[in-house]
Amino acid sequence: MSVPEVDYAALAKVIESLTENETDEVALMATLACEIHHSDDRFDWTGFYRVTEPGMLKIGPYQGGHGCLQIPFGKGVCGTCAETGEVQLVDDVEAFPGHIACAATTRSEIVLPVHGASGRLIGVLDIDSDQPAAFTEADAEGLGRVLNAVFGNGGHWR
């Protein structure tokens, strides 16, 4: 299967122009979720889980079907990303220990930590695909640049 290539540089420029001078984290997340989701057909669910209390992620702005309402740090792909601060690139969600199935159609997933300007973890960006092995290191790098362009991301995306 050939993997479509997102022009992440162009996507970052569009998102930067849409979010210029915006400081509200939820408004920024909503804009990113929409623009990223519609940039590639591989992206079946695109959204943010926000850190709302110590050790807990709660659903934030997203595009696609319903998501899980809350995910504890250390649980599933999103919780693992939040706990470790490391990008999670999962080719087969069924093979990921403790995967939380929010949607039965999800086959692969990429999750990146999102840090605010102060460097604190404010959430994770979660993208699911109904295709196996849909994401690459190039996606991790490109999405990291997009996050960095908007949030500053404390330089911690990778």
C-alpha atoms as a PDB file:
ATOM      1  CA  MET A   1       0.000   0.000   0.000  1.00  0.00           C
ATOM      2  CA  SER A   2       1.384   3.413  -0.877  1.00  0.00           C
ATOM      3  CA  VAL A   3       1.134   5.949   1.889  1.00  0.00           C
ATOM      4  CA  PRO A   4      -0.013   9.429   0.808  1.00  0.00           C
ATOM      5  CA  GLU A   5       2.395  12.162   1.775  1.00  0.00           C
ATOM      6  CA  VAL A   6       1.014  15.173   3.617  1.00  0.00           C
ATOM      7  CA  ASP A   7       2.729  18.461   2.823  1.00  0.00           C
ATOM      8  CA  TYR A   8       3.314  19.272   6.494  1.00  0.00           C
ATOM      9  CA  ALA A   9       5.160  22.512   5.722  1.00  0.00           C
ATOM     10  CA  ALA A  10       2.151  23.829   3.800  1.00  0.00           C
ATOM     11  CA  LEU A  11      -0.221  22.515   6.479  1.00  0.00           C
ATOM     12  CA  ALA A  12       1.782  24.305   9.194  1.00  0.00           C
ATOM     13  CA  LYS A  13       1.597  27.577   7.240  1.00  0.00           C
ATOM     14  CA  VAL A  14      -2.179  27.308   6.825  1.00  0.00           C
ATOM     15  CA  ILE A  15      -2.635  26.508  10.505  1.00  0.00           C
ATOM     16  CA  GLU A  16      -0.289  29.321  11.559  1.00  0.00           C
ATOM     17  CA  SER A  17      -2.305  31.807   9.489  1.00  0.00           C
ATOM     18  CA  LEU A  18      -5.592  30.558  10.982  1.00  0.00           C
ATOM     19  CA  THR A  19      -4.316  30.670  14.562  1.00  0.00           C
ATOM     20  CA  GLU A  20      -2.256  33.867  14.468  1.00  0.00           C
ATOM     21  CA  ASN A  21      -2.497  35.756  17.782  1.00  0.00           C
ATOM     22  CA  GLU A  22      -4.775  33.097  19.306  1.00  0.00           C
ATOM     23  CA  THR A  23      -3.731  32.016  22.799  1.00  0.00           C
ATOM     24  CA  ASP A  24      -6.683  29.889  23.933  1.00  0.00           C
ATOM     25  CA  GLU A  25      -5.469  26.280  23.975  1.00  0.00           C
ATOM     26  CA  VAL A  26      -8.904  24.783  23.240  1.00  0.00           C
ATOM     27  CA  ALA A  27      -9.461  27.087  20.247  1.00  0.00           C
ATOM     28  CA  LEU A  28      -6.023  26.147  18.936  1.00  0.00           C
ATOM     29  CA  MET A  29      -6.708  22.439  19.408  1.00  0.00           C
ATOM     30  CA  ALA A  30     -10.060  22.707  17.611  1.00  0.00           C
ATOM     31  CA  THR A  31      -8.470  24.388  14.599  1.00  0.00           C
ATOM     32  CA  LEU A  32      -5.613  21.888  14.444  1.00  0.00           C
ATOM     33  CA  ALA A  33      -7.951  18.890  14.773  1.00  0.00           C
ATOM     34  CA  CYS A  34     -10.035  20.116  11.845  1.00  0.00           C
ATOM     35  CA  GLU A  35      -7.159  21.055   9.548  1.00  0.00           C
ATOM     36  CA  ILE A  36      -5.067  17.961  10.260  1.00  0.00           C
ATOM     37  CA  HIS A  37      -8.049  15.612   9.960  1.00  0.00           C
ATOM     38  CA  HIS A  38      -8.976  16.885   6.515  1.00  0.00           C
ATOM     39  CA  SER A  39      -5.383  16.887   5.220  1.00  0.00           C
ATOM     40  CA  ASP A  40      -5.188  13.130   4.559  1.00  0.00           C
ATOM     41  CA  ASP A  41      -7.641  10.276   3.965  1.00  0.00           C
ATOM     42  CA  ARG A  42      -5.614   8.011   6.283  1.00  0.00           C
ATOM     43  CA  PHE A  43      -6.777  10.092   9.237  1.00  0.00           C
ATOM     44  CA  ASP A  44      -9.982   8.419  10.423  1.00  0.00           C
ATOM     45  CA  TRP A  45     -10.113  10.134  13.845  1.00  0.00           C
ATOM     46  CA  THR A  46      -8.075  13.191  14.794  1.00  0.00           C
ATOM     47  CA  GLY A  47      -8.219  14.897  18.138  1.00  0.00           C
ATOM     48  CA  PHE A  48      -6.774  15.973  21.400  1.00  0.00           C
ATOM     49  CA  TYR A  49      -6.956  14.541  24.867  1.00  0.00           C
ATOM     50  CA  ARG A  50      -6.317  17.322  27.387  1.00  0.00           C
ATOM     51  CA  VAL A  51      -4.617  17.076  30.756  1.00  0.00           C
ATOM     52  CA  THR A  52      -7.407  18.202  33.093  1.00  0.00           C
ATOM     53  CA  GLU A  53      -6.016  16.974  36.411  1.00  0.00           C
ATOM     54  CA  PRO A  54      -2.862  15.145  37.480  1.00  0.00           C
ATOM     55  CA  GLY A  55      -2.630  11.788  35.752  1.00  0.00           C
ATOM     56  CA  MET A  56      -5.822  12.190  33.692  1.00  0.00           C
ATOM     57  CA  LEU A  57      -6.581  12.958  30.051  1.00  0.00           C
ATOM     58  CA  LYS A  58     -10.077  14.025  28.984  1.00  0.00           C
ATOM     59  CA  ILE A  59     -11.480  14.325  25.492  1.00  0.00           C
ATOM     60  CA  GLY A  60     -10.824  17.635  23.805  1.00  0.00           C
ATOM     61  CA  PRO A  61     -11.605  18.960  20.340  1.00  0.00           C
ATOM     62  CA  TYR A  62     -11.726  16.247  17.684  1.00  0.00           C
ATOM     63  CA  GLN A  63     -12.966  15.234  14.231  1.00  0.00           C
ATOM     64  CA  GLY A  64     -14.490  11.821  13.535  1.00  0.00           C
ATOM     65  CA  GLY A  65     -16.693   9.479  15.537  1.00  0.00           C
ATOM     66  CA  HIS A  66     -16.925   9.601  19.322  1.00  0.00           C
ATOM     67  CA  GLY A  67     -13.786   9.217  21.414  1.00  0.00           C
ATOM     68  CA  CYS A  68     -13.182   7.891  24.900  1.00  0.00           C
ATOM     69  CA  LEU A  69     -14.161  10.489  27.494  1.00  0.00           C
ATOM     70  CA  GLN A  70     -11.190   9.976  29.792  1.00  0.00           C
ATOM     71  CA  ILE A  71      -7.920   8.088  29.742  1.00  0.00           C
ATOM     72  CA  PRO A  72      -5.611   7.735  32.746  1.00  0.00           C
ATOM     73  CA  PHE A  73      -1.896   8.311  32.212  1.00  0.00           C
ATOM     74  CA  GLY A  74      -0.186   5.012  31.462  1.00  0.00           C
ATOM     75  CA  LYS A  75      -3.302   3.391  29.933  1.00  0.00           C
ATOM     76  CA  GLY A  76      -3.573   2.701  26.214  1.00  0.00           C
ATOM     77  CA  VAL A  77      -1.625   4.501  23.520  1.00  0.00           C
ATOM     78  CA  CYS A  78      -2.652   8.019  24.590  1.00  0.00           C
ATOM     79  CA  GLY A  79      -2.013   7.407  28.273  1.00  0.00           C
ATOM     80  CA  THR A  80       1.379   5.881  27.462  1.00  0.00           C
ATOM     81  CA  CYS A  81       2.309   8.963  25.437  1.00  0.00           C
ATOM     82  CA  ALA A  82       1.214  11.259  28.271  1.00  0.00           C
ATOM     83  CA  GLU A  83       3.143   9.252  30.869  1.00  0.00           C
ATOM     84  CA  THR A  84       6.372   8.830  28.879  1.00  0.00           C
ATOM     85  CA  GLY A  85       6.330  12.053  26.875  1.00  0.00           C
ATOM     86  CA  GLU A  86       7.312   9.993  23.820  1.00  0.00           C
ATOM     87  CA  VAL A  87       5.628   9.779  20.431  1.00  0.00           C
ATOM     88  CA  GLN A  88       3.707   6.520  20.053  1.00  0.00           C
ATOM     89  CA  LEU A  89       3.735   5.112  16.513  1.00  0.00           C
ATOM     90  CA  VAL A  90       1.579   1.974  16.525  1.00  0.00           C
ATOM     91  CA  ASP A  91       1.274  -0.099  13.334  1.00  0.00           C
ATOM     92  CA  ASP A  92      -1.238  -2.559  14.841  1.00  0.00           C
ATOM     93  CA  VAL A  93      -3.325  -1.435  17.801  1.00  0.00           C
ATOM     94  CA  GLU A  94      -4.319  -5.037  18.561  1.00  0.00           C
ATOM     95  CA  ALA A  95      -0.647  -5.772  19.327  1.00  0.00           C
ATOM     96  CA  PHE A  96      -0.289  -2.793  21.711  1.00  0.00           C
ATOM     97  CA  PRO A  97      -0.520  -4.019  25.327  1.00  0.00           C
ATOM     98  CA  GLY A  98      -3.511  -2.420  27.049  1.00  0.00           C
ATOM     99  CA  HIS A  99      -4.863  -0.707  23.928  1.00  0.00           C
ATOM    100  CA  ILE A 100      -8.145   1.065  24.668  1.00  0.00           C
ATOM    101  CA  ALA A 101     -10.591   0.479  21.813  1.00  0.00           C
ATOM    102  CA  CYS A 102     -12.598   3.684  21.537  1.00  0.00           C
ATOM    103  CA  ALA A 103     -13.589   2.687  17.982  1.00  0.00           C
ATOM    104  CA  ALA A 104     -13.698  -0.851  16.612  1.00  0.00           C
ATOM    105  CA  THR A 105     -12.462   0.323  13.195  1.00  0.00           C
ATOM    106  CA  THR A 106      -9.076   1.626  14.413  1.00  0.00           C
ATOM    107  CA  ARG A 107      -6.142  -0.396  13.064  1.00  0.00           C
ATOM    108  CA  SER A 108      -3.153   1.918  13.624  1.00  0.00           C
ATOM    109  CA  GLU A 109      -2.454   5.059  15.628  1.00  0.00           C
ATOM    110  CA  ILE A 110      -0.012   7.876  16.178  1.00  0.00           C
ATOM    111  CA  VAL A 111       0.020   9.957  19.361  1.00  0.00           C
ATOM    112  CA  LEU A 112       2.246  12.955  20.090  1.00  0.00           C
ATOM    113  CA  PRO A 113       2.671  14.838  23.372  1.00  0.00           C
ATOM    114  CA  VAL A 114       1.584  18.472  23.294  1.00  0.00           C
ATOM    115  CA  HIS A 115       3.368  20.974  25.507  1.00  0.00           C
ATOM    116  CA  GLY A 116       2.288  24.549  26.113  1.00  0.00           C
ATOM    117  CA  ALA A 117       4.600  27.524  25.825  1.00  0.00           C
ATOM    118  CA  SER A 118       5.707  27.004  29.433  1.00  0.00           C
ATOM    119  CA  GLY A 119       6.826  23.477  28.584  1.00  0.00           C
ATOM    120  CA  ARG A 120       4.132  21.754  30.659  1.00  0.00           C
ATOM    121  CA  LEU A 121       2.225  18.849  29.120  1.00  0.00           C
ATOM    122  CA  ILE A 122      -1.225  20.143  28.121  1.00  0.00           C
ATOM    123  CA  GLY A 123      -2.396  17.057  26.242  1.00  0.00           C
ATOM    124  CA  VAL A 124      -1.757  14.632  23.424  1.00  0.00           C
ATOM    125  CA  LEU A 125      -2.623  14.700  19.733  1.00  0.00           C
ATOM    126  CA  ASP A 126      -4.157  11.366  18.756  1.00  0.00           C
ATOM    127  CA  ILE A 127      -4.708  10.273  15.154  1.00  0.00           C
ATOM    128  CA  ASP A 128      -6.314   6.927  14.362  1.00  0.00           C
ATOM    129  CA  SER A 129      -6.498   5.171  11.020  1.00  0.00           C
ATOM    130  CA  ASP A 130      -8.712   2.360   9.798  1.00  0.00           C
ATOM    131  CA  GLN A 131      -5.669   1.155   7.822  1.00  0.00           C
ATOM    132  CA  PRO A 132      -2.885  -0.945   9.371  1.00  0.00           C
ATOM    133  CA  ALA A 133       0.583   0.635   9.541  1.00  0.00           C
ATOM    134  CA  ALA A 134      -0.790   3.944   8.236  1.00  0.00           C
ATOM    135  CA  PHE A 135       1.769   6.208   9.928  1.00  0.00           C
ATOM    136  CA  THR A 136       5.498   6.736   9.480  1.00  0.00           C
ATOM    137  CA  GLU A 137       8.345   8.581  11.141  1.00  0.00           C
ATOM    138  CA  ALA A 138       7.769  11.286   8.499  1.00  0.00           C
ATOM    139  CA  ASP A 139       4.267  11.773   9.942  1.00  0.00           C
ATOM    140  CA  ALA A 140       5.693  12.008  13.468  1.00  0.00           C
ATOM    141  CA  GLU A 141       8.219  14.617  12.366  1.00  0.00           C
ATOM    142  CA  GLY A 142       5.712  16.597  10.281  1.00  0.00           C
ATOM    143  CA  LEU A 143       3.034  16.603  12.965  1.00  0.00           C
ATOM    144  CA  GLY A 144       5.660  17.579  15.523  1.00  0.00           C
ATOM    145  CA  ARG A 145       6.589  20.600  13.410  1.00  0.00           C
ATOM    146  CA  VAL A 146       2.899  21.571  13.123  1.00  0.00           C
ATOM    147  CA  LEU A 147       2.470  21.344  16.907  1.00  0.00           C
ATOM    148  CA  ASN A 148       5.657  23.306  17.463  1.00  0.00           C
ATOM    149  CA  ALA A 149       4.511  26.049  15.062  1.00  0.00           C
ATOM    150  CA  VAL A 150       1.298  26.572  17.043  1.00  0.00           C
ATOM    151  CA  PHE A 151       2.105  25.739  20.654  1.00  0.00           C
ATOM    152  CA  GLY A 152       5.837  26.280  20.742  1.00  0.00           C
ATOM    153  CA  ASN A 153       5.505  22.814  22.256  1.00  0.00           C
ATOM    154  CA  GLY A 154       8.446  23.466  24.526  1.00  0.00           C
ATOM    155  CA  GLY A 155      10.634  21.673  21.965  1.00  0.00           C
ATOM    156  CA  HIS A 156       9.431  18.380  23.458  1.00  0.00           C
ATOM    157  CA  TRP A 157       7.507  16.846  20.576  1.00  0.00           C
ATOM    158  CA  ARG A 158      10.152  14.218  19.887  1.00  0.00           C
END
